[in-house]
Amino acid sequence: MKPNNVILKTVTRVAVVIIFTFSIYLFLNGHHQPGGGFIGGLSTAAAIVLLYLSFGIEKVRENIRIDFKKLAAIGVLIAVGTGMAGAVFGKPFLFQIFGHVDLPIFGDTELASAMIFDTGVALAVIGTAVVIILGISEDR
C-alpha cells in the first residue's frame, strides 16, 4: 500500500517556490552583504533535496534532467577560470573588475566579475550537495 502524501506534496510545491526565490535573493544580495554563491547554492540544493524527498528520486529525475556531477565540475571551472582571469592580465588571483550599465527595466545596474565567480561557486555547491545527499540515500 502506498502512503498518502497529499499534504507533503502540496506544502512542498509552495515551499520550493519560496526557497528558490529566497535563494535568488541570497545569491544576488551576497555581493554587498552576507550571502552570495555559497549560501544561495546551498539553499537551492535544499529545495532540490526537498523535491526528491517528497516526490521520489525517479519522478524528479524525469523532470530535472541535470547531471549534478557535471554541474559541480562546470561550477568549479567557472570559479577557477574567473579567479585566473586576473592572473592572465597581470593582476592578482581573484582580481575583481566592475562597472555600471544602464538596463532598460532596472536602470543603473552594477556589473561585477565577482558575480561570475559567485555563479561558479553556486553551481559547484548545488552539484556537490545534491550528489552527496543522493549518494547517501542510495547507501541502504
N, C-alpha and C. Protein backbone atom coordinates (compact mmCIF):
# COMPACT_ATOMS: atom_id res chain seq x y z
N MET A 1 0.84 -1.18 0.00
CA MET A 1 0.00 0.00 0.00
C MET A 1 0.89 1.24 0.00
N LYS A 2 0.56 2.18 -0.85
CA LYS A 2 1.34 3.39 -1.00
C LYS A 2 0.82 4.45 -0.02
N PRO A 3 1.73 5.14 0.72
CA PRO A 3 1.24 6.16 1.66
C PRO A 3 0.66 7.37 0.92
N ASN A 4 -0.29 8.03 1.57
CA ASN A 4 -0.94 9.20 1.00
C ASN A 4 -0.15 10.44 1.43
N ASN A 5 0.58 11.03 0.50
CA ASN A 5 1.44 12.17 0.79
C ASN A 5 0.89 13.47 0.20
N VAL A 6 -0.41 13.62 0.17
CA VAL A 6 -1.02 14.79 -0.46
C VAL A 6 -0.59 16.07 0.24
N ILE A 7 -0.62 16.07 1.56
CA ILE A 7 -0.24 17.28 2.31
C ILE A 7 1.24 17.60 2.09
N LEU A 8 2.10 16.60 2.18
CA LEU A 8 3.53 16.80 1.98
C LEU A 8 3.82 17.35 0.58
N LYS A 9 3.20 16.78 -0.44
CA LYS A 9 3.44 17.24 -1.81
C LYS A 9 2.90 18.64 -2.04
N THR A 10 1.76 18.96 -1.46
CA THR A 10 1.19 20.29 -1.61
C THR A 10 2.05 21.34 -0.93
N VAL A 11 2.47 21.07 0.28
CA VAL A 11 3.33 22.01 1.01
C VAL A 11 4.67 22.15 0.31
N THR A 12 5.19 21.06 -0.23
CA THR A 12 6.48 21.10 -0.93
C THR A 12 6.40 22.01 -2.15
N ARG A 13 5.31 21.94 -2.90
CA ARG A 13 5.17 22.80 -4.08
C ARG A 13 5.27 24.27 -3.72
N VAL A 14 4.67 24.66 -2.63
CA VAL A 14 4.72 26.06 -2.19
C VAL A 14 6.08 26.38 -1.59
N ALA A 15 6.58 25.49 -0.75
CA ALA A 15 7.85 25.74 -0.06
C ALA A 15 9.02 25.84 -1.04
N VAL A 16 9.02 25.02 -2.07
CA VAL A 16 10.11 25.05 -3.04
C VAL A 16 10.16 26.38 -3.78
N VAL A 17 9.01 26.92 -4.12
CA VAL A 17 8.98 28.24 -4.78
C VAL A 17 9.54 29.31 -3.85
N ILE A 18 9.15 29.25 -2.58
CA ILE A 18 9.66 30.22 -1.60
C ILE A 18 11.16 30.06 -1.41
N ILE A 19 11.63 28.83 -1.29
CA ILE A 19 13.07 28.59 -1.08
C ILE A 19 13.87 29.04 -2.30
N PHE A 20 13.39 28.72 -3.51
CA PHE A 20 14.10 29.16 -4.72
C PHE A 20 14.15 30.68 -4.81
N THR A 21 13.05 31.34 -4.48
CA THR A 21 13.03 32.80 -4.51
C THR A 21 14.01 33.38 -3.50
N PHE A 22 14.04 32.82 -2.31
CA PHE A 22 14.97 33.27 -1.28
C PHE A 22 16.42 32.98 -1.69
N SER A 23 16.64 31.86 -2.38
CA SER A 23 17.98 31.53 -2.87
C SER A 23 18.47 32.57 -3.87
N ILE A 24 17.60 32.98 -4.76
CA ILE A 24 17.96 34.02 -5.73
C ILE A 24 18.28 35.32 -5.01
N TYR A 25 17.47 35.66 -4.02
CA TYR A 25 17.74 36.87 -3.23
C TYR A 25 19.10 36.79 -2.55
N LEU A 26 19.38 35.66 -1.90
CA LEU A 26 20.68 35.50 -1.22
C LEU A 26 21.83 35.59 -2.21
N PHE A 27 21.65 34.97 -3.36
CA PHE A 27 22.70 34.99 -4.38
C PHE A 27 22.97 36.41 -4.86
N LEU A 28 21.94 37.13 -5.22
CA LEU A 28 22.11 38.48 -5.77
C LEU A 28 22.53 39.50 -4.71
N ASN A 29 22.09 39.31 -3.48
CA ASN A 29 22.40 40.24 -2.41
C ASN A 29 23.79 40.01 -1.84
N GLY A 30 24.38 38.87 -2.10
CA GLY A 30 25.63 38.48 -1.47
C GLY A 30 26.85 39.26 -1.89
N HIS A 31 26.74 40.03 -2.95
CA HIS A 31 27.91 40.80 -3.39
C HIS A 31 28.21 41.95 -2.43
N HIS A 32 27.18 42.52 -1.83
CA HIS A 32 27.37 43.66 -0.95
C HIS A 32 27.07 43.34 0.52
N GLN A 33 26.40 42.24 0.79
CA GLN A 33 26.01 41.88 2.15
C GLN A 33 26.23 40.38 2.31
N PRO A 34 26.03 39.85 3.52
CA PRO A 34 26.21 38.40 3.70
C PRO A 34 25.31 37.61 2.75
N GLY A 35 25.86 36.59 2.18
CA GLY A 35 25.15 35.77 1.21
C GLY A 35 26.09 35.46 0.06
N GLY A 36 25.56 35.25 -1.09
CA GLY A 36 26.38 35.00 -2.27
C GLY A 36 26.21 33.61 -2.79
N GLY A 37 27.22 33.17 -3.53
CA GLY A 37 27.14 31.90 -4.23
C GLY A 37 27.02 30.70 -3.32
N PHE A 38 27.73 30.70 -2.21
CA PHE A 38 27.72 29.51 -1.36
C PHE A 38 26.35 29.29 -0.72
N ILE A 39 25.86 30.29 -0.02
CA ILE A 39 24.59 30.10 0.68
C ILE A 39 23.41 30.05 -0.29
N GLY A 40 23.51 30.79 -1.41
CA GLY A 40 22.48 30.70 -2.43
C GLY A 40 22.42 29.30 -3.04
N GLY A 41 23.59 28.74 -3.31
CA GLY A 41 23.65 27.38 -3.85
C GLY A 41 23.20 26.34 -2.85
N LEU A 42 23.55 26.54 -1.58
CA LEU A 42 23.15 25.58 -0.55
C LEU A 42 21.64 25.57 -0.35
N SER A 43 21.02 26.74 -0.36
CA SER A 43 19.56 26.78 -0.20
C SER A 43 18.86 26.23 -1.45
N THR A 44 19.44 26.44 -2.62
CA THR A 44 18.88 25.83 -3.84
C THR A 44 18.97 24.31 -3.76
N ALA A 45 20.10 23.80 -3.29
CA ALA A 45 20.26 22.35 -3.13
C ALA A 45 19.26 21.81 -2.12
N ALA A 46 18.98 22.58 -1.07
CA ALA A 46 17.99 22.14 -0.08
C ALA A 46 16.60 22.01 -0.71
N ALA A 47 16.25 22.94 -1.58
CA ALA A 47 14.96 22.86 -2.26
C ALA A 47 14.90 21.64 -3.19
N ILE A 48 15.99 21.37 -3.88
CA ILE A 48 16.02 20.20 -4.77
C ILE A 48 15.91 18.92 -3.97
N VAL A 49 16.60 18.85 -2.84
CA VAL A 49 16.52 17.67 -1.97
C VAL A 49 15.10 17.50 -1.42
N LEU A 50 14.45 18.60 -1.08
CA LEU A 50 13.06 18.54 -0.62
C LEU A 50 12.17 17.95 -1.71
N LEU A 51 12.41 18.32 -2.95
CA LEU A 51 11.66 17.73 -4.06
C LEU A 51 11.91 16.22 -4.14
N TYR A 52 13.17 15.81 -4.00
CA TYR A 52 13.49 14.37 -4.02
C TYR A 52 12.79 13.63 -2.90
N LEU A 53 12.76 14.24 -1.71
CA LEU A 53 12.12 13.57 -0.56
C LEU A 53 10.61 13.46 -0.75
N SER A 54 10.00 14.47 -1.32
CA SER A 54 8.55 14.50 -1.43
C SER A 54 8.01 13.69 -2.61
N PHE A 55 8.69 13.79 -3.74
CA PHE A 55 8.14 13.19 -4.96
C PHE A 55 8.88 11.92 -5.41
N GLY A 56 10.00 11.62 -4.80
CA GLY A 56 10.76 10.44 -5.17
C GLY A 56 11.85 10.75 -6.20
N ILE A 57 12.90 9.99 -6.15
CA ILE A 57 14.08 10.24 -6.98
C ILE A 57 13.75 10.10 -8.46
N GLU A 58 13.04 9.06 -8.83
CA GLU A 58 12.76 8.82 -10.25
C GLU A 58 11.87 9.91 -10.85
N LYS A 59 10.86 10.33 -10.12
CA LYS A 59 9.94 11.36 -10.62
C LYS A 59 10.66 12.69 -10.82
N VAL A 60 11.54 13.04 -9.88
CA VAL A 60 12.28 14.31 -10.00
C VAL A 60 13.31 14.22 -11.13
N ARG A 61 13.95 13.07 -11.28
CA ARG A 61 14.92 12.91 -12.37
C ARG A 61 14.26 13.00 -13.74
N GLU A 62 13.00 12.61 -13.83
CA GLU A 62 12.27 12.76 -15.09
C GLU A 62 12.08 14.23 -15.44
N ASN A 63 11.88 15.06 -14.42
CA ASN A 63 11.56 16.47 -14.64
C ASN A 63 12.78 17.39 -14.57
N ILE A 64 13.76 17.04 -13.79
CA ILE A 64 15.00 17.83 -13.70
C ILE A 64 16.11 16.95 -14.26
N ARG A 65 16.39 17.11 -15.53
CA ARG A 65 17.38 16.25 -16.20
C ARG A 65 18.75 16.91 -16.18
N ILE A 66 19.31 17.00 -15.00
CA ILE A 66 20.63 17.61 -14.82
C ILE A 66 21.55 16.57 -14.21
N ASP A 67 22.73 16.44 -14.79
CA ASP A 67 23.76 15.61 -14.18
C ASP A 67 24.49 16.50 -13.17
N PHE A 68 24.23 16.28 -11.90
CA PHE A 68 24.74 17.17 -10.87
C PHE A 68 26.26 17.07 -10.71
N LYS A 69 26.86 15.94 -11.11
CA LYS A 69 28.32 15.84 -11.10
C LYS A 69 28.92 16.79 -12.14
N LYS A 70 28.32 16.82 -13.32
CA LYS A 70 28.79 17.74 -14.35
C LYS A 70 28.54 19.19 -13.95
N LEU A 71 27.42 19.44 -13.30
CA LEU A 71 27.11 20.80 -12.83
C LEU A 71 28.17 21.27 -11.83
N ALA A 72 28.57 20.40 -10.92
CA ALA A 72 29.61 20.76 -9.95
C ALA A 72 30.94 21.03 -10.66
N ALA A 73 31.27 20.21 -11.63
CA ALA A 73 32.53 20.41 -12.37
C ALA A 73 32.51 21.72 -13.15
N ILE A 74 31.40 22.02 -13.79
CA ILE A 74 31.28 23.28 -14.52
C ILE A 74 31.40 24.46 -13.57
N GLY A 75 30.78 24.36 -12.40
CA GLY A 75 30.88 25.41 -11.41
C GLY A 75 32.30 25.67 -10.95
N VAL A 76 33.04 24.60 -10.71
CA VAL A 76 34.44 24.74 -10.29
C VAL A 76 35.25 25.38 -11.41
N LEU A 77 35.01 24.96 -12.64
CA LEU A 77 35.74 25.55 -13.77
C LEU A 77 35.44 27.04 -13.92
N ILE A 78 34.18 27.43 -13.74
CA ILE A 78 33.82 28.84 -13.83
C ILE A 78 34.50 29.64 -12.71
N ALA A 79 34.45 29.11 -11.49
CA ALA A 79 35.05 29.82 -10.34
C ALA A 79 36.56 29.96 -10.50
N VAL A 80 37.22 28.89 -10.87
CA VAL A 80 38.68 28.94 -11.04
C VAL A 80 39.05 29.80 -12.24
N GLY A 81 38.28 29.67 -13.32
CA GLY A 81 38.54 30.49 -14.51
C GLY A 81 38.40 31.97 -14.22
N THR A 82 37.40 32.34 -13.44
CA THR A 82 37.23 33.74 -13.07
C THR A 82 38.40 34.21 -12.21
N GLY A 83 38.83 33.35 -11.31
CA GLY A 83 39.97 33.71 -10.47
C GLY A 83 41.25 33.86 -11.26
N MET A 84 41.44 32.99 -12.24
CA MET A 84 42.65 33.02 -13.05
C MET A 84 42.66 34.15 -14.07
N ALA A 85 41.48 34.69 -14.37
CA ALA A 85 41.41 35.77 -15.38
C ALA A 85 42.28 36.96 -14.98
N GLY A 86 42.32 37.28 -13.70
CA GLY A 86 43.18 38.37 -13.24
C GLY A 86 44.64 38.07 -13.48
N ALA A 87 45.04 36.83 -13.23
CA ALA A 87 46.44 36.44 -13.42
C ALA A 87 46.85 36.54 -14.89
N VAL A 88 45.93 36.28 -15.79
CA VAL A 88 46.23 36.38 -17.22
C VAL A 88 46.59 37.82 -17.60
N PHE A 89 45.94 38.78 -16.94
CA PHE A 89 46.20 40.19 -17.24
C PHE A 89 47.19 40.84 -16.27
N GLY A 90 47.96 40.02 -15.56
CA GLY A 90 48.99 40.54 -14.68
C GLY A 90 48.48 41.08 -13.36
N LYS A 91 47.28 40.72 -12.98
CA LYS A 91 46.69 41.15 -11.70
C LYS A 91 46.69 39.97 -10.74
N PRO A 92 46.40 40.21 -9.47
CA PRO A 92 46.37 39.10 -8.51
C PRO A 92 45.21 38.12 -8.79
N PHE A 93 45.36 36.91 -8.25
CA PHE A 93 44.30 35.90 -8.34
C PHE A 93 43.03 36.47 -7.71
N LEU A 94 41.89 36.24 -8.33
CA LEU A 94 40.58 36.74 -7.90
C LEU A 94 40.46 38.26 -7.98
N PHE A 95 41.23 38.89 -8.83
CA PHE A 95 41.11 40.33 -9.03
C PHE A 95 39.72 40.62 -9.60
N GLN A 96 39.09 41.66 -9.08
CA GLN A 96 37.72 41.96 -9.47
C GLN A 96 37.65 43.25 -10.28
N ILE A 97 36.83 43.23 -11.31
CA ILE A 97 36.54 44.46 -12.04
C ILE A 97 35.03 44.67 -12.00
N PHE A 98 34.61 45.91 -12.08
CA PHE A 98 33.18 46.19 -12.07
C PHE A 98 32.91 47.49 -12.81
N GLY A 99 31.69 47.63 -13.20
CA GLY A 99 31.26 48.84 -13.90
C GLY A 99 29.75 48.97 -13.80
N HIS A 100 29.24 50.02 -14.37
CA HIS A 100 27.79 50.28 -14.32
C HIS A 100 27.23 50.27 -15.74
N VAL A 101 26.04 49.69 -15.87
CA VAL A 101 25.35 49.59 -17.14
C VAL A 101 23.92 50.09 -16.94
N ASP A 102 23.39 50.81 -17.90
CA ASP A 102 22.02 51.29 -17.83
C ASP A 102 21.11 50.29 -18.53
N LEU A 103 20.39 49.49 -17.75
CA LEU A 103 19.48 48.49 -18.29
C LEU A 103 18.07 49.07 -18.40
N PRO A 104 17.32 48.69 -19.43
CA PRO A 104 16.01 49.31 -19.67
C PRO A 104 15.03 49.25 -18.49
N ILE A 105 14.86 48.12 -17.87
CA ILE A 105 13.89 48.00 -16.79
C ILE A 105 14.50 48.35 -15.44
N PHE A 106 15.75 47.95 -15.22
CA PHE A 106 16.37 48.08 -13.91
C PHE A 106 17.10 49.40 -13.70
N GLY A 107 17.38 50.12 -14.76
CA GLY A 107 18.11 51.39 -14.63
C GLY A 107 19.60 51.14 -14.47
N ASP A 108 20.25 52.00 -13.67
CA ASP A 108 21.69 51.90 -13.45
C ASP A 108 21.99 50.66 -12.62
N THR A 109 22.71 49.71 -13.20
CA THR A 109 22.99 48.43 -12.56
C THR A 109 24.49 48.19 -12.53
N GLU A 110 24.98 47.75 -11.37
CA GLU A 110 26.39 47.42 -11.25
C GLU A 110 26.63 46.00 -11.74
N LEU A 111 27.61 45.83 -12.58
CA LEU A 111 28.04 44.51 -13.03
C LEU A 111 29.45 44.28 -12.52
N ALA A 112 29.68 43.13 -11.92
CA ALA A 112 30.99 42.84 -11.35
C ALA A 112 31.42 41.42 -11.72
N SER A 113 32.72 41.25 -11.86
CA SER A 113 33.24 39.91 -12.16
C SER A 113 33.03 38.96 -10.98
N ALA A 114 32.83 39.52 -9.78
CA ALA A 114 32.56 38.67 -8.62
C ALA A 114 31.26 37.90 -8.79
N MET A 115 30.32 38.44 -9.56
CA MET A 115 29.06 37.74 -9.80
C MET A 115 29.30 36.47 -10.61
N ILE A 116 30.23 36.51 -11.55
CA ILE A 116 30.56 35.31 -12.32
C ILE A 116 31.20 34.27 -11.41
N PHE A 117 32.09 34.73 -10.53
CA PHE A 117 32.71 33.82 -9.55
C PHE A 117 31.64 33.21 -8.65
N ASP A 118 30.72 34.03 -8.16
CA ASP A 118 29.65 33.53 -7.30
C ASP A 118 28.76 32.53 -8.04
N THR A 119 28.56 32.74 -9.34
CA THR A 119 27.79 31.78 -10.13
C THR A 119 28.49 30.42 -10.15
N GLY A 120 29.80 30.44 -10.35
CA GLY A 120 30.57 29.19 -10.32
C GLY A 120 30.50 28.51 -8.98
N VAL A 121 30.62 29.28 -7.90
CA VAL A 121 30.53 28.71 -6.55
C VAL A 121 29.15 28.11 -6.33
N ALA A 122 28.10 28.82 -6.73
CA ALA A 122 26.73 28.32 -6.55
C ALA A 122 26.53 27.01 -7.29
N LEU A 123 26.97 26.95 -8.54
CA LEU A 123 26.81 25.71 -9.31
C LEU A 123 27.59 24.56 -8.68
N ALA A 124 28.80 24.85 -8.21
CA ALA A 124 29.61 23.81 -7.56
C ALA A 124 28.94 23.31 -6.28
N VAL A 125 28.40 24.21 -5.50
CA VAL A 125 27.75 23.83 -4.25
C VAL A 125 26.47 23.04 -4.52
N ILE A 126 25.66 23.51 -5.46
CA ILE A 126 24.43 22.78 -5.80
C ILE A 126 24.76 21.36 -6.25
N GLY A 127 25.68 21.25 -7.19
CA GLY A 127 26.05 19.93 -7.71
C GLY A 127 26.61 19.02 -6.64
N THR A 128 27.53 19.54 -5.83
CA THR A 128 28.17 18.72 -4.81
C THR A 128 27.18 18.29 -3.73
N ALA A 129 26.37 19.22 -3.24
CA ALA A 129 25.43 18.90 -2.17
C ALA A 129 24.40 17.86 -2.62
N VAL A 130 23.86 18.02 -3.82
CA VAL A 130 22.86 17.07 -4.30
C VAL A 130 23.49 15.70 -4.55
N VAL A 131 24.70 15.66 -5.11
CA VAL A 131 25.37 14.37 -5.34
C VAL A 131 25.65 13.66 -4.02
N ILE A 132 26.09 14.39 -3.01
CA ILE A 132 26.38 13.77 -1.71
C ILE A 132 25.10 13.23 -1.08
N ILE A 133 24.04 14.02 -1.09
CA ILE A 133 22.80 13.58 -0.44
C ILE A 133 22.17 12.41 -1.21
N LEU A 134 22.21 12.45 -2.53
CA LEU A 134 21.69 11.31 -3.31
C LEU A 134 22.56 10.07 -3.08
N GLY A 135 23.87 10.26 -2.95
CA GLY A 135 24.76 9.13 -2.67
C GLY A 135 24.46 8.51 -1.32
N ILE A 136 24.18 9.33 -0.33
CA ILE A 136 23.85 8.81 0.99
C ILE A 136 22.51 8.07 0.94
N SER A 137 21.56 8.59 0.18
CA SER A 137 20.24 7.94 0.11
C SER A 137 20.30 6.59 -0.59
N GLU A 138 21.28 6.40 -1.46
CA GLU A 138 21.40 5.12 -2.17
C GLU A 138 22.15 4.08 -1.36
N ASP A 139 22.86 4.47 -0.31
CA ASP A 139 23.57 3.53 0.58
C ASP A 139 22.59 3.02 1.64
N ARG A 140 21.95 1.94 1.33
CA ARG A 140 20.96 1.41 2.29
C ARG A 140 21.48 0.22 2.98
